[in-house]
Amino acid sequence: MPSFVATLGDMTVASGLAFVFSDGQPISGLSDQFLALSGTVHGVSIPMIVMIVMVVVVAVSWVVLARTRFGMHVYAVCGNAHVARVADVDQRSIRFMVYIDAGALAGLAGVMLAARAAAGIANTGAGYELNGPPPP
């Protein structure tokens, strides 16, 4: 089964579970410690700190993808699985690591969004999964 189809299926299941557990209502009354994630530290807003972290993550990701063996394997597995198999690249571990990284970063984004909105809303971001970049 293609990864894209499995991801969309998992998204549908997770969205349904979010609606079931929240009864379709926003979850409010979050703790002060959680809401502090949208505050400031030494006069710098935490979302700005997260933006700086994002820039660092992008830079590190670029270096890893462009300059390391792991990055070359990622390009091989995602570009042409048959060639990667012939080159004896462990495709399962490469895909696993890429999915772990993507999931962790998506989770961080979700936590920051919930802290900024001061609520957990089950359908936040619905419909954005298939949006591409804006036209030039």
N, C-alpha and C. Protein backbone atom coordinates (compact mmCIF):
# COMPACT_ATOMS: atom_id res chain seq x y z
N MET A 1 0.84 -1.17 0.00
CA MET A 1 0.00 0.00 0.00
C MET A 1 0.89 1.24 0.00
N PRO A 2 0.62 2.20 -0.86
CA PRO A 2 1.44 3.42 -0.89
C PRO A 2 1.36 4.18 0.43
N SER A 3 2.46 4.76 0.82
CA SER A 3 2.54 5.50 2.08
C SER A 3 1.53 6.64 2.13
N PHE A 4 1.32 7.30 1.00
CA PHE A 4 0.39 8.43 0.97
C PHE A 4 -1.02 7.98 1.33
N VAL A 5 -1.45 6.85 0.79
CA VAL A 5 -2.79 6.34 1.07
C VAL A 5 -2.90 5.93 2.54
N ALA A 6 -1.87 5.29 3.07
CA ALA A 6 -1.89 4.89 4.47
C ALA A 6 -1.94 6.12 5.38
N THR A 7 -1.22 7.16 5.02
CA THR A 7 -1.22 8.38 5.82
C THR A 7 -2.60 9.03 5.82
N LEU A 8 -3.25 9.11 4.67
CA LEU A 8 -4.60 9.69 4.61
C LEU A 8 -5.59 8.84 5.40
N GLY A 9 -5.45 7.52 5.36
CA GLY A 9 -6.31 6.65 6.15
C GLY A 9 -6.12 6.86 7.63
N ASP A 10 -4.86 6.92 8.06
CA ASP A 10 -4.56 7.18 9.48
C ASP A 10 -5.09 8.54 9.91
N MET A 11 -5.00 9.53 9.03
CA MET A 11 -5.50 10.86 9.35
C MET A 11 -7.01 10.83 9.58
N THR A 12 -7.72 10.07 8.77
CA THR A 12 -9.17 9.96 8.92
C THR A 12 -9.52 9.30 10.24
N VAL A 13 -8.81 8.25 10.60
CA VAL A 13 -9.06 7.56 11.87
C VAL A 13 -8.75 8.49 13.04
N ALA A 14 -7.62 9.18 13.00
CA ALA A 14 -7.23 10.08 14.09
C ALA A 14 -8.23 11.23 14.22
N SER A 15 -8.69 11.76 13.10
CA SER A 15 -9.67 12.85 13.14
C SER A 15 -10.98 12.36 13.76
N GLY A 16 -11.41 11.18 13.40
CA GLY A 16 -12.62 10.62 13.99
C GLY A 16 -12.48 10.41 15.48
N LEU A 17 -11.33 9.89 15.91
CA LEU A 17 -11.10 9.70 17.34
C LEU A 17 -11.07 11.03 18.09
N ALA A 18 -10.50 12.06 17.47
CA ALA A 18 -10.47 13.38 18.10
C ALA A 18 -11.88 13.90 18.32
N PHE A 19 -12.75 13.70 17.34
CA PHE A 19 -14.14 14.13 17.50
C PHE A 19 -14.87 13.30 18.55
N VAL A 20 -14.60 12.01 18.60
CA VAL A 20 -15.25 11.15 19.60
C VAL A 20 -14.84 11.56 21.01
N PHE A 21 -13.54 11.73 21.23
CA PHE A 21 -13.05 12.05 22.58
C PHE A 21 -13.43 13.46 23.02
N SER A 22 -13.60 14.38 22.07
CA SER A 22 -13.93 15.76 22.44
C SER A 22 -15.43 16.05 22.31
N ASP A 23 -16.21 15.07 21.90
CA ASP A 23 -17.64 15.26 21.64
C ASP A 23 -17.88 16.39 20.64
N GLY A 24 -16.92 16.63 19.78
CA GLY A 24 -17.06 17.66 18.76
C GLY A 24 -16.94 19.08 19.28
N GLN A 25 -16.54 19.24 20.53
CA GLN A 25 -16.44 20.55 21.16
C GLN A 25 -14.97 20.92 21.38
N PRO A 26 -14.63 22.20 21.32
CA PRO A 26 -13.26 22.59 21.66
C PRO A 26 -12.95 22.24 23.12
N ILE A 27 -11.74 21.80 23.36
CA ILE A 27 -11.31 21.48 24.71
C ILE A 27 -10.63 22.72 25.27
N SER A 28 -11.25 23.32 26.28
CA SER A 28 -10.68 24.53 26.88
C SER A 28 -10.34 24.25 28.34
N GLY A 29 -9.97 25.28 29.05
CA GLY A 29 -9.58 25.10 30.45
C GLY A 29 -8.22 24.42 30.58
N LEU A 30 -7.34 24.71 29.64
CA LEU A 30 -6.00 24.11 29.66
C LEU A 30 -5.18 24.71 30.80
N SER A 31 -4.21 23.97 31.27
CA SER A 31 -3.42 24.42 32.41
C SER A 31 -2.61 25.67 32.07
N ASP A 32 -2.29 26.41 33.11
CA ASP A 32 -1.49 27.64 32.92
C ASP A 32 -0.11 27.32 32.37
N GLN A 33 0.46 26.19 32.77
CA GLN A 33 1.78 25.80 32.25
C GLN A 33 1.73 25.57 30.75
N PHE A 34 0.63 24.95 30.29
CA PHE A 34 0.49 24.71 28.86
C PHE A 34 0.28 26.02 28.11
N LEU A 35 -0.57 26.88 28.65
CA LEU A 35 -0.84 28.16 27.99
C LEU A 35 0.38 29.07 28.00
N ALA A 36 1.31 28.83 28.94
CA ALA A 36 2.54 29.63 28.99
C ALA A 36 3.39 29.41 27.74
N LEU A 37 3.12 28.34 26.98
CA LEU A 37 3.86 28.11 25.74
C LEU A 37 3.63 29.20 24.70
N SER A 38 2.59 30.01 24.90
CA SER A 38 2.36 31.11 23.97
C SER A 38 2.79 32.45 24.57
N GLY A 39 3.50 32.40 25.68
CA GLY A 39 3.92 33.63 26.35
C GLY A 39 5.29 34.11 25.90
N THR A 40 6.05 34.64 26.85
CA THR A 40 7.38 35.17 26.54
C THR A 40 8.42 34.62 27.52
N VAL A 41 9.66 34.62 27.08
CA VAL A 41 10.80 34.26 27.92
C VAL A 41 11.83 35.36 27.77
N HIS A 42 12.13 36.06 28.85
CA HIS A 42 13.10 37.16 28.83
C HIS A 42 12.74 38.18 27.75
N GLY A 43 11.45 38.45 27.57
CA GLY A 43 11.00 39.45 26.62
C GLY A 43 10.89 38.98 25.18
N VAL A 44 11.23 37.72 24.91
CA VAL A 44 11.12 37.17 23.56
C VAL A 44 9.95 36.20 23.56
N SER A 45 9.03 36.38 22.61
CA SER A 45 7.86 35.51 22.57
C SER A 45 8.27 34.08 22.23
N ILE A 46 7.60 33.14 22.85
CA ILE A 46 7.92 31.73 22.61
C ILE A 46 7.67 31.34 21.16
N PRO A 47 6.61 31.83 20.50
CA PRO A 47 6.49 31.51 19.07
C PRO A 47 7.69 32.01 18.25
N MET A 48 8.30 33.13 18.65
CA MET A 48 9.50 33.60 17.95
C MET A 48 10.67 32.64 18.21
N ILE A 49 10.75 32.14 19.43
CA ILE A 49 11.79 31.16 19.75
C ILE A 49 11.58 29.90 18.92
N VAL A 50 10.32 29.48 18.78
CA VAL A 50 10.01 28.31 17.97
C VAL A 50 10.38 28.57 16.51
N MET A 51 10.17 29.79 16.04
CA MET A 51 10.53 30.14 14.67
C MET A 51 12.05 30.03 14.48
N ILE A 52 12.80 30.47 15.46
CA ILE A 52 14.25 30.36 15.40
C ILE A 52 14.66 28.89 15.40
N VAL A 53 14.02 28.11 16.25
CA VAL A 53 14.30 26.67 16.28
C VAL A 53 13.97 26.05 14.93
N MET A 54 12.86 26.49 14.31
CA MET A 54 12.49 25.97 13.00
C MET A 54 13.57 26.27 11.96
N VAL A 55 14.10 27.47 11.98
CA VAL A 55 15.15 27.83 11.04
C VAL A 55 16.38 26.96 11.27
N VAL A 56 16.71 26.72 12.53
CA VAL A 56 17.85 25.84 12.85
C VAL A 56 17.58 24.42 12.37
N VAL A 57 16.35 23.92 12.59
CA VAL A 57 16.00 22.57 12.15
C VAL A 57 16.09 22.46 10.63
N VAL A 58 15.62 23.48 9.92
CA VAL A 58 15.70 23.47 8.46
C VAL A 58 17.16 23.46 8.02
N ALA A 59 17.99 24.27 8.65
CA ALA A 59 19.41 24.33 8.29
C ALA A 59 20.10 22.99 8.56
N VAL A 60 19.84 22.42 9.72
CA VAL A 60 20.45 21.12 10.06
C VAL A 60 19.93 20.05 9.11
N SER A 61 18.64 20.09 8.79
CA SER A 61 18.07 19.11 7.86
C SER A 61 18.72 19.22 6.49
N TRP A 62 18.94 20.45 6.04
CA TRP A 62 19.59 20.64 4.75
C TRP A 62 21.00 20.05 4.75
N VAL A 63 21.74 20.32 5.82
CA VAL A 63 23.10 19.79 5.91
C VAL A 63 23.07 18.27 5.93
N VAL A 64 22.16 17.70 6.71
CA VAL A 64 22.07 16.24 6.80
C VAL A 64 21.70 15.65 5.45
N LEU A 65 20.72 16.23 4.77
CA LEU A 65 20.28 15.69 3.49
C LEU A 65 21.31 15.90 2.38
N ALA A 66 22.04 17.01 2.43
CA ALA A 66 22.97 17.32 1.35
C ALA A 66 24.37 16.76 1.57
N ARG A 67 24.76 16.51 2.82
CA ARG A 67 26.16 16.20 3.09
C ARG A 67 26.42 14.87 3.80
N THR A 68 25.39 14.08 4.07
CA THR A 68 25.64 12.84 4.82
C THR A 68 25.17 11.63 4.03
N ARG A 69 25.64 10.49 4.45
CA ARG A 69 25.24 9.23 3.84
C ARG A 69 23.74 8.99 4.06
N PHE A 70 23.26 9.31 5.28
CA PHE A 70 21.83 9.17 5.58
C PHE A 70 20.99 9.99 4.60
N GLY A 71 21.41 11.23 4.34
CA GLY A 71 20.68 12.08 3.40
C GLY A 71 20.66 11.49 2.00
N MET A 72 21.79 10.93 1.59
CA MET A 72 21.85 10.30 0.28
C MET A 72 20.90 9.10 0.23
N HIS A 73 20.82 8.37 1.33
CA HIS A 73 19.90 7.23 1.38
C HIS A 73 18.44 7.68 1.35
N VAL A 74 18.14 8.80 2.02
CA VAL A 74 16.78 9.33 1.99
C VAL A 74 16.39 9.68 0.55
N TYR A 75 17.26 10.37 -0.15
CA TYR A 75 16.98 10.71 -1.54
C TYR A 75 16.83 9.45 -2.40
N ALA A 76 17.65 8.44 -2.13
CA ALA A 76 17.58 7.20 -2.91
C ALA A 76 16.25 6.48 -2.67
N VAL A 77 15.87 6.34 -1.41
CA VAL A 77 14.64 5.62 -1.08
C VAL A 77 13.42 6.37 -1.60
N CYS A 78 13.40 7.67 -1.45
CA CYS A 78 12.23 8.45 -1.88
C CYS A 78 12.22 8.69 -3.38
N GLY A 79 13.36 8.67 -4.01
CA GLY A 79 13.42 8.95 -5.44
C GLY A 79 13.20 7.72 -6.30
N ASN A 80 13.86 6.63 -5.96
CA ASN A 80 13.74 5.41 -6.77
C ASN A 80 14.00 4.21 -5.86
N ALA A 81 12.93 3.62 -5.37
CA ALA A 81 13.05 2.52 -4.40
C ALA A 81 13.77 1.32 -5.01
N HIS A 82 13.58 1.07 -6.31
CA HIS A 82 14.24 -0.07 -6.93
C HIS A 82 15.76 0.10 -6.92
N VAL A 83 16.22 1.27 -7.28
CA VAL A 83 17.66 1.53 -7.27
C VAL A 83 18.21 1.45 -5.84
N ALA A 84 17.46 1.96 -4.87
CA ALA A 84 17.89 1.89 -3.47
C ALA A 84 18.00 0.43 -3.03
N ARG A 85 17.07 -0.42 -3.48
CA ARG A 85 17.11 -1.83 -3.12
C ARG A 85 18.34 -2.49 -3.72
N VAL A 86 18.63 -2.15 -4.99
CA VAL A 86 19.82 -2.72 -5.65
C VAL A 86 21.09 -2.25 -4.94
N ALA A 87 21.09 -1.02 -4.44
CA ALA A 87 22.26 -0.47 -3.74
C ALA A 87 22.33 -0.95 -2.29
N ASP A 88 21.41 -1.83 -1.90
CA ASP A 88 21.39 -2.42 -0.57
C ASP A 88 21.20 -1.38 0.53
N VAL A 89 20.28 -0.43 0.29
CA VAL A 89 19.91 0.57 1.29
C VAL A 89 18.78 -0.01 2.13
N ASP A 90 18.89 0.08 3.44
CA ASP A 90 17.86 -0.41 4.34
C ASP A 90 16.66 0.55 4.30
N GLN A 91 15.74 0.28 3.39
CA GLN A 91 14.62 1.20 3.15
C GLN A 91 13.70 1.32 4.35
N ARG A 92 13.48 0.24 5.07
CA ARG A 92 12.55 0.30 6.20
C ARG A 92 13.06 1.25 7.28
N SER A 93 14.33 1.18 7.61
CA SER A 93 14.85 2.06 8.67
C SER A 93 14.90 3.51 8.20
N ILE A 94 15.21 3.74 6.94
CA ILE A 94 15.24 5.11 6.41
C ILE A 94 13.84 5.71 6.46
N ARG A 95 12.84 4.98 5.97
CA ARG A 95 11.46 5.47 6.01
C ARG A 95 11.00 5.69 7.44
N PHE A 96 11.36 4.75 8.32
CA PHE A 96 10.98 4.88 9.73
C PHE A 96 11.53 6.16 10.34
N MET A 97 12.80 6.45 10.11
CA MET A 97 13.41 7.66 10.66
C MET A 97 12.78 8.93 10.09
N VAL A 98 12.48 8.92 8.80
CA VAL A 98 11.85 10.09 8.18
C VAL A 98 10.46 10.31 8.76
N TYR A 99 9.69 9.23 8.94
CA TYR A 99 8.35 9.36 9.53
C TYR A 99 8.42 9.81 10.98
N ILE A 100 9.39 9.34 11.72
CA ILE A 100 9.55 9.77 13.12
C ILE A 100 9.84 11.26 13.17
N ASP A 101 10.76 11.72 12.34
CA ASP A 101 11.09 13.15 12.31
C ASP A 101 9.88 14.00 11.93
N ALA A 102 9.17 13.59 10.89
CA ALA A 102 8.00 14.35 10.44
C ALA A 102 6.91 14.37 11.52
N GLY A 103 6.69 13.24 12.18
CA GLY A 103 5.68 13.18 13.23
C GLY A 103 6.03 14.04 14.43
N ALA A 104 7.30 14.02 14.82
CA ALA A 104 7.72 14.84 15.95
C ALA A 104 7.56 16.33 15.66
N LEU A 105 7.93 16.75 14.47
CA LEU A 105 7.79 18.16 14.11
C LEU A 105 6.32 18.56 13.98
N ALA A 106 5.48 17.66 13.45
CA ALA A 106 4.04 17.96 13.37
C ALA A 106 3.43 18.04 14.76
N GLY A 107 3.87 17.17 15.66
CA GLY A 107 3.38 17.22 17.04
C GLY A 107 3.75 18.52 17.72
N LEU A 108 4.98 18.97 17.52
CA LEU A 108 5.41 20.25 18.09
C LEU A 108 4.56 21.39 17.55
N ALA A 109 4.28 21.37 16.26
CA ALA A 109 3.44 22.41 15.66
C ALA A 109 2.04 22.38 16.24
N GLY A 110 1.49 21.19 16.46
CA GLY A 110 0.16 21.07 17.04
C GLY A 110 0.09 21.58 18.46
N VAL A 111 1.10 21.30 19.25
CA VAL A 111 1.15 21.79 20.63
C VAL A 111 1.22 23.32 20.63
N MET A 112 2.05 23.89 19.79
CA MET A 112 2.16 25.35 19.72
C MET A 112 0.85 25.98 19.26
N LEU A 113 0.17 25.37 18.30
CA LEU A 113 -1.10 25.90 17.82
C LEU A 113 -2.16 25.85 18.92
N ALA A 114 -2.22 24.75 19.67
CA ALA A 114 -3.20 24.63 20.75
C ALA A 114 -2.92 25.65 21.85
N ALA A 115 -1.65 25.89 22.14
CA ALA A 115 -1.31 26.88 23.17
C ALA A 115 -1.69 28.29 22.70
N ARG A 116 -1.47 28.59 21.43
CA ARG A 116 -1.83 29.92 20.91
C ARG A 116 -3.34 30.12 20.88
N ALA A 117 -4.09 29.06 20.55
CA ALA A 117 -5.54 29.16 20.48
C ALA A 117 -6.19 29.02 21.86
N ALA A 118 -5.42 28.60 22.86
CA ALA A 118 -5.91 28.37 24.22
C ALA A 118 -7.02 27.33 24.24
N ALA A 119 -7.00 26.44 23.26
CA ALA A 119 -7.99 25.37 23.20
C ALA A 119 -7.51 24.29 22.23
N GLY A 120 -7.98 23.09 22.47
CA GLY A 120 -7.73 22.00 21.53
C GLY A 120 -8.97 21.82 20.68
N ILE A 121 -8.86 22.06 19.39
CA ILE A 121 -10.00 22.00 18.50
C ILE A 121 -9.76 20.85 17.52
N ALA A 122 -10.70 19.91 17.48
CA ALA A 122 -10.51 18.67 16.73
C ALA A 122 -10.30 18.88 15.24
N ASN A 123 -10.93 19.87 14.65
CA ASN A 123 -10.81 20.03 13.19
C ASN A 123 -9.92 21.19 12.77
N THR A 124 -9.05 21.64 13.64
CA THR A 124 -8.10 22.69 13.25
C THR A 124 -7.18 22.17 12.15
N GLY A 125 -7.08 22.90 11.09
CA GLY A 125 -6.19 22.52 9.99
C GLY A 125 -6.81 21.54 9.02
N ALA A 126 -8.08 21.18 9.20
CA ALA A 126 -8.73 20.24 8.28
C ALA A 126 -8.77 20.84 6.88
N GLY A 127 -8.40 20.04 5.92
CA GLY A 127 -8.40 20.48 4.53
C GLY A 127 -7.06 21.02 4.06
N TYR A 128 -6.12 21.24 4.96
CA TYR A 128 -4.81 21.76 4.56
C TYR A 128 -3.86 20.68 4.08
N GLU A 129 -4.18 19.42 4.34
CA GLU A 129 -3.24 18.35 4.04
C GLU A 129 -2.95 18.21 2.55
N LEU A 130 -3.86 18.63 1.70
CA LEU A 130 -3.64 18.48 0.27
C LEU A 130 -3.35 19.82 -0.42
N ASN A 131 -3.24 20.88 0.34
CA ASN A 131 -2.90 22.19 -0.25
C ASN A 131 -1.44 22.18 -0.67
N GLY A 132 -1.22 22.64 -1.85
CA GLY A 132 0.16 22.77 -2.33
C GLY A 132 0.63 24.20 -2.14
N PRO A 133 1.79 24.50 -2.61
CA PRO A 133 2.28 25.88 -2.52
C PRO A 133 1.43 26.79 -3.40
N PRO A 134 1.39 28.07 -3.08
CA PRO A 134 0.61 28.99 -3.92
C PRO A 134 1.24 29.09 -5.32
N PRO A 135 0.42 29.40 -6.30
CA PRO A 135 0.97 29.51 -7.66
C PRO A 135 1.93 30.69 -7.76
N PRO A 136 2.92 30.59 -8.62
CA PRO A 136 3.90 31.67 -8.75
C PRO A 136 3.31 32.93 -9.33
